[in-house]
Amino acid sequence: MILPRRLTALIPLLLGLLATTLAAVPSLAQQGDPSFNLVNRSGQVINEIYVSATREPNWGRDLLGQSTLANGATFPVRIAPAAGCRQDIRVVYADGRPEERRNQDTCTITEMVFGTAAPRAPNAGPVPAPSPGATQGGNPSFNLVNRGRAQIREIYVSSSRDNDWGPDRLGQNTLPIGQHLPVQLPQGDCVNDIRIVWMDGRPEERRAIDTCQLVNVVFP
C-alpha cells in the first residue's frame, strides 16, 4: 500500500513521540517501593514501631498496635509508593528506651535491623547516636501520655526559643484517656514548651522541659 506523502512525513514524528513515552515509564518504576521488613536483633522486645515520611511532623500510629515484636522476629512495614522513599523510623524497646533512624531511603533496602549489629541503609541520612544524659545534641522526641480524667483536645509543642506554639499536633483528632501521642522533634533541640487543652477548654502547660532526658511526658 502506498501512503500519502503527508502521512509518510508524520511517521518519524509519531515514532519519536512513542519512544519518549516509553522512556518515561521506567523512570516511574525507578521511584522504588519504600516498604521493608523491620528486624529486631536488639536482645529485647520492641513494644512500639512508628514509620512516617520524613516530611511529616508527627509519627502517626504505633504499627504494632496491641502486639509486640520479639527479639529475632521480623515485622513487615508496608508503605504506599506515593509516600516517597525518605522515611523516619522509631522503635520503643520494652525498657522504654527509644531508638530512631531519620531520613532513611527505604527504597534501597529490603530490611532494616535494630540492634547492636544493625547495618546502615545505603544512601541513608545521619543516624543519631543515643545519648541518654546529654542535653545538647540529644533526641528530644517523646510520648505525650494522657492519664487525666478527660480527653485532650489540643496539643502544642515548640522550642522554648520560639515565640509561638505552632500547629495543633492532634489536628482534627483527640487523645483519649490512657492513650499517648508520639511527638517527633528536630534532633538536638532539647528544651521545649508543651501545652495541652482538655476537652473542657482548660489549658495546661509545661515550660522549658528538657525532653532529651525523658521518654514520656505524662499529663496531668
Protein backbone atom coordinates (compact mmCIF):
# COMPACT_ATOMS: atom_id res chain seq x y z
CA MET A 1 0.00 0.00 0.00
CA ILE A 2 1.29 3.43 -0.86
CA LEU A 3 0.81 6.04 1.88
CA PRO A 4 0.14 9.67 1.07
CA ARG A 5 3.26 11.81 1.15
CA ARG A 6 1.92 13.96 4.03
CA LEU A 7 1.18 10.88 6.18
CA THR A 8 4.59 9.43 5.39
CA ALA A 9 6.22 12.60 6.68
CA LEU A 10 4.38 12.25 10.01
CA ILE A 11 5.66 8.73 10.71
CA PRO A 12 9.09 9.79 12.13
CA LEU A 13 7.37 12.32 14.41
CA LEU A 14 4.93 9.70 15.73
CA LEU A 15 7.73 7.22 16.33
CA GLY A 16 9.66 9.88 18.25
CA LEU A 17 6.66 10.60 20.48
CA LEU A 18 6.20 6.88 21.15
CA ALA A 19 9.86 6.47 22.10
CA THR A 20 9.64 9.42 24.51
CA THR A 21 6.56 7.96 26.18
CA LEU A 22 8.15 4.53 26.62
CA ALA A 23 11.31 6.08 28.04
CA ALA A 24 9.25 7.83 30.72
CA VAL A 25 7.77 4.56 32.03
CA PRO A 26 10.99 3.20 33.64
CA SER A 27 11.50 6.49 35.47
CA LEU A 28 8.27 5.85 37.37
CA ALA A 29 9.43 2.39 38.34
CA GLN A 30 12.78 3.77 39.47
CA GLN A 31 11.00 5.60 42.29
CA GLY A 32 11.04 2.20 44.04
CA ASP A 33 9.00 0.57 46.75
CA PRO A 34 9.53 2.10 50.22
CA SER A 35 8.19 -0.98 52.03
CA PHE A 36 10.67 -3.07 54.05
CA ASN A 37 10.99 -5.63 56.84
CA LEU A 38 11.97 -4.37 60.30
CA VAL A 39 14.14 -6.93 62.11
CA ASN A 40 14.61 -6.98 65.88
CA ARG A 41 18.10 -8.12 66.91
CA SER A 42 18.32 -5.91 69.99
CA GLY A 43 18.17 -8.67 72.58
CA GLN A 44 14.85 -7.45 73.95
CA VAL A 45 11.23 -6.99 72.90
CA ILE A 46 10.17 -3.99 70.81
CA ASN A 47 6.92 -2.55 72.16
CA GLU A 48 6.22 0.14 69.57
CA ILE A 49 7.09 0.87 65.92
CA TYR A 50 6.44 4.16 64.14
CA VAL A 51 7.22 4.94 60.50
CA SER A 52 6.39 8.22 58.77
CA ALA A 53 7.56 10.17 55.75
CA THR A 54 10.46 12.48 56.66
CA ARG A 55 8.39 15.48 55.58
CA GLU A 56 5.64 14.69 58.13
CA PRO A 57 5.72 16.49 61.52
CA ASN A 58 4.19 13.62 63.53
CA TRP A 59 4.95 9.93 63.92
CA GLY A 60 1.39 8.70 63.44
CA ARG A 61 0.05 5.48 64.95
CA ASP A 62 2.00 2.63 66.53
CA LEU A 63 2.20 -0.02 63.78
CA LEU A 64 2.35 -2.83 66.34
CA GLY A 65 -0.93 -1.83 67.98
CA GLN A 66 -1.52 -4.18 70.90
CA SER A 67 1.25 -6.56 69.75
CA THR A 68 5.00 -6.61 70.37
CA LEU A 69 7.99 -7.68 68.28
CA ALA A 70 10.07 -10.38 69.93
CA ASN A 71 13.86 -10.49 69.69
CA GLY A 72 14.82 -12.22 66.44
CA ALA A 73 11.41 -11.61 64.86
CA THR A 74 10.57 -9.59 61.73
CA PHE A 75 7.75 -7.11 61.15
CA PRO A 76 6.71 -6.21 57.57
CA VAL A 77 6.32 -2.45 57.16
CA ARG A 78 4.07 -1.69 54.19
CA ILE A 79 4.32 1.83 52.79
CA ALA A 80 2.41 3.21 49.80
CA PRO A 81 4.77 4.28 46.96
CA ALA A 82 3.11 7.71 47.00
CA ALA A 83 4.62 8.29 50.47
CA GLY A 84 8.09 8.52 48.89
CA CYS A 85 11.40 6.88 49.69
CA ARG A 86 12.60 9.05 52.58
CA GLN A 87 11.21 7.73 55.84
CA ASP A 88 11.79 8.21 59.58
CA ILE A 89 11.62 5.10 61.77
CA ARG A 90 11.23 4.98 65.55
CA VAL A 91 11.05 1.97 67.84
CA VAL A 92 10.49 1.83 71.61
CA TYR A 93 12.02 -1.09 73.48
CA ALA A 94 10.48 -2.93 76.42
CA ASP A 95 12.65 -0.92 78.84
CA GLY A 96 11.15 2.32 77.47
CA ARG A 97 14.26 3.36 75.53
CA PRO A 98 13.51 4.78 72.06
CA GLU A 99 15.75 4.46 69.00
CA GLU A 100 15.31 6.37 65.76
CA ARG A 101 16.61 6.29 62.21
CA ARG A 102 15.99 9.57 60.40
CA ASN A 103 15.82 10.34 56.68
CA GLN A 104 16.26 6.73 55.56
CA ASP A 105 16.00 5.86 51.85
CA THR A 106 13.90 2.73 52.32
CA CYS A 107 13.52 2.25 48.56
CA THR A 108 17.10 0.95 48.51
CA ILE A 109 16.68 -1.74 51.19
CA THR A 110 14.56 -4.80 51.86
CA GLU A 111 15.13 -4.94 55.61
CA MET A 112 16.21 -2.66 58.47
CA VAL A 113 17.80 -4.22 61.53
CA PHE A 114 17.55 -2.76 65.02
CA GLY A 115 20.18 -3.93 67.47
CA THR A 116 23.90 -3.70 68.17
CA ALA A 117 24.73 -5.18 64.77
CA ALA A 118 22.30 -3.05 62.84
CA PRO A 119 23.65 -2.17 59.36
CA ARG A 120 23.35 1.27 57.86
CA ALA A 121 20.97 1.61 54.93
CA PRO A 122 22.55 2.72 51.62
CA ASN A 123 22.26 6.47 50.98
CA ALA A 124 20.77 6.94 54.43
CA GLY A 125 20.86 10.17 56.34
CA PRO A 126 22.78 10.52 59.61
CA VAL A 127 21.78 8.16 62.40
CA PRO A 128 21.73 9.89 65.79
CA ALA A 129 23.83 8.20 68.47
CA PRO A 130 21.96 7.56 71.70
CA SER A 131 22.98 9.96 74.44
CA PRO A 132 20.65 9.42 77.38
CA GLY A 133 22.21 12.00 79.68
CA ALA A 134 23.01 14.68 77.15
CA THR A 135 21.09 17.94 76.92
CA GLN A 136 22.89 19.07 73.78
CA GLY A 137 22.58 17.16 70.54
CA GLY A 138 20.28 14.55 72.10
CA ASN A 139 16.96 13.11 70.99
CA PRO A 140 14.09 15.42 72.04
CA SER A 141 11.24 13.25 70.69
CA PHE A 142 8.90 11.83 73.33
CA ASN A 143 5.50 10.30 74.01
CA LEU A 144 2.82 12.57 75.45
CA VAL A 145 0.64 10.38 77.70
CA ASN A 146 -2.91 11.21 78.79
CA ARG A 147 -3.54 9.93 82.32
CA GLY A 148 -6.17 12.52 83.10
CA ARG A 149 -9.91 12.06 83.56
CA ALA A 150 -10.85 13.56 80.19
CA GLN A 151 -9.73 13.51 76.58
CA ILE A 152 -7.13 16.00 75.41
CA ARG A 153 -8.46 18.25 72.65
CA GLU A 154 -5.28 20.06 71.54
CA ILE A 155 -1.52 19.51 71.86
CA TYR A 156 1.19 22.06 71.09
CA VAL A 157 4.94 21.58 71.36
CA SER A 158 7.57 24.14 70.39
CA SER A 159 11.13 25.05 71.21
CA SER A 160 11.46 27.32 74.23
CA ARG A 161 13.25 29.76 71.90
CA ASP A 162 10.14 30.21 69.74
CA ASN A 163 7.54 32.91 70.30
CA ASP A 164 4.51 30.90 69.17
CA TRP A 165 3.13 27.41 69.76
CA GLY A 166 2.83 26.32 66.14
CA PRO A 167 0.12 23.95 64.85
CA ASP A 168 -2.10 21.72 66.95
CA ARG A 169 -0.45 18.29 66.67
CA LEU A 170 -3.75 16.48 67.09
CA GLY A 171 -5.37 18.21 64.13
CA GLN A 172 -8.98 17.01 63.96
CA ASN A 173 -8.32 14.19 66.45
CA THR A 174 -8.37 13.95 70.23
CA LEU A 175 -6.19 11.98 72.65
CA PRO A 176 -8.33 9.55 74.67
CA ILE A 177 -7.73 8.69 78.32
CA GLY A 178 -4.87 6.23 78.71
CA GLN A 179 -3.50 6.79 75.19
CA HIS A 180 -0.31 8.52 74.05
CA LEU A 181 0.81 10.67 71.12
CA PRO A 182 4.37 10.24 69.76
CA VAL A 183 5.80 13.76 69.36
CA GLN A 184 8.58 13.98 66.78
CA LEU A 185 11.00 16.90 67.22
CA PRO A 186 14.14 18.06 65.37
CA GLN A 187 17.32 16.41 66.58
CA GLY A 188 19.33 18.36 69.15
CA ASP A 189 16.74 20.96 70.23
CA CYS A 190 16.24 19.64 73.76
CA VAL A 191 14.47 22.42 75.70
CA ASN A 192 10.81 22.59 74.72
CA ASP A 193 7.50 24.03 75.87
CA ILE A 194 4.38 21.85 75.92
CA ARG A 195 0.76 22.99 76.02
CA ILE A 196 -2.38 20.88 76.07
CA VAL A 197 -6.06 21.81 76.11
CA TRP A 198 -8.51 19.46 77.84
CA MET A 199 -11.96 18.80 76.41
CA ASP A 200 -13.50 21.35 78.81
CA GLY A 201 -11.24 24.07 77.36
CA ARG A 202 -8.86 24.17 80.31
CA PRO A 203 -5.21 24.63 79.22
CA GLU A 204 -2.17 23.15 80.96
CA GLU A 205 1.45 23.98 80.19
CA ARG A 206 4.95 22.68 80.91
CA ARG A 207 7.72 25.20 80.21
CA ALA A 208 11.43 24.68 79.48
CA ILE A 209 11.28 20.88 79.65
CA ASP A 210 14.48 19.03 78.70
CA THR A 211 12.78 16.38 76.58
CA CYS A 212 16.14 14.78 75.71
CA GLN A 213 16.20 13.46 79.28
CA LEU A 214 12.92 11.56 79.12
CA VAL A 215 10.77 9.21 77.07
CA ASN A 216 7.27 10.09 78.31
CA VAL A 217 5.62 13.35 79.34
CA VAL A 218 2.54 12.49 81.39
CA PHE A 219 -0.46 14.76 81.89
CA PRO A 220 -1.69 15.71 84.39
